[in-house]
Amino acid sequence: MRARDDVATMFCKRMAAKAKKAREELAEIHRQQQEIVERLISNYRTLLQQVDQEGPAQRARARAPL
């Protein structure tokens, strides 16, 4: 009976550690994806400024509050 309880306790601790590591890895992946999205948006904004200097995107940006 005691051995089974010890095994169950070890299992729970091991699963908790794996879950914690998985949450940390997921947070890191989320951070990396956010950086990629921000760079893509920045690049797209630069592209729009170069391609369409008097277009609707620039007029909308000029009207947008800072």
Protein backbone atom coordinates (compact mmCIF):
# COMPACT_ATOMS: atom_id res chain seq x y z
CA MET A 1 0.00 0.00 0.00
CA ARG A 2 2.79 2.42 0.93
CA ALA A 3 4.75 1.63 -2.25
CA ARG A 4 1.71 2.37 -4.39
CA ASP A 5 1.25 5.72 -2.65
CA ASP A 6 4.92 6.55 -3.20
CA VAL A 7 4.67 5.64 -6.89
CA ALA A 8 1.55 7.79 -7.25
CA THR A 9 3.32 10.71 -5.54
CA MET A 10 6.37 10.36 -7.78
CA PHE A 11 4.11 10.19 -10.84
CA CYS A 12 2.24 13.34 -9.81
CA LYS A 13 5.48 15.24 -9.19
CA ARG A 14 6.92 14.13 -12.52
CA MET A 15 3.76 15.11 -14.41
CA ALA A 16 3.69 18.50 -12.66
CA ALA A 17 7.29 19.13 -13.69
CA LYS A 18 6.54 18.15 -17.30
CA ALA A 19 3.45 20.37 -17.35
CA LYS A 20 5.45 23.31 -15.99
CA LYS A 21 8.16 22.80 -18.63
CA ALA A 22 5.52 22.57 -21.36
CA ARG A 23 3.91 25.84 -20.19
CA GLU A 24 7.31 27.55 -20.25
CA GLU A 25 8.05 26.23 -23.74
CA LEU A 26 4.63 27.35 -24.95
CA ALA A 27 5.21 30.83 -23.52
CA GLU A 28 8.57 30.99 -25.33
CA ILE A 29 6.97 29.90 -28.60
CA HIS A 30 4.27 32.53 -28.13
CA ARG A 31 6.91 35.21 -27.52
CA GLN A 32 8.84 34.19 -30.64
CA GLN A 33 5.69 34.20 -32.75
CA GLN A 34 4.76 37.64 -31.44
CA GLU A 35 8.18 38.98 -32.45
CA ILE A 36 7.74 37.52 -35.94
CA VAL A 37 4.29 39.07 -36.28
CA GLU A 38 5.56 42.46 -35.18
CA ARG A 39 8.44 42.33 -37.68
CA LEU A 40 6.07 41.31 -40.47
CA ILE A 41 3.70 44.16 -39.66
CA SER A 42 6.59 46.59 -39.59
CA ASN A 43 7.87 45.34 -42.94
CA TYR A 44 4.38 45.51 -44.44
CA ARG A 45 3.94 49.07 -43.19
CA THR A 46 7.30 50.06 -44.75
CA LEU A 47 6.29 48.40 -47.99
CA LEU A 48 3.00 50.27 -48.08
CA GLN A 49 4.77 53.55 -47.46
CA GLN A 50 7.12 52.92 -50.38
CA VAL A 51 4.53 51.59 -52.83
CA ASP A 52 1.51 53.72 -52.08
CA GLN A 53 2.60 57.08 -50.74
CA GLU A 54 -0.65 58.85 -51.59
CA GLY A 55 -3.00 55.88 -51.30
CA PRO A 56 -5.78 55.03 -48.87
CA ALA A 57 -3.43 53.38 -46.38
CA GLN A 58 -1.44 56.58 -45.97
CA ARG A 59 -4.58 58.72 -45.69
CA ALA A 60 -5.97 56.37 -43.02
CA ARG A 61 -2.69 56.47 -41.12
CA ALA A 62 -2.64 60.28 -41.27
CA ARG A 63 -6.16 60.41 -39.81
CA ALA A 64 -5.47 57.84 -37.09
CA PRO A 65 -4.88 59.19 -33.59
CA LEU A 66 -1.39 58.84 -32.24
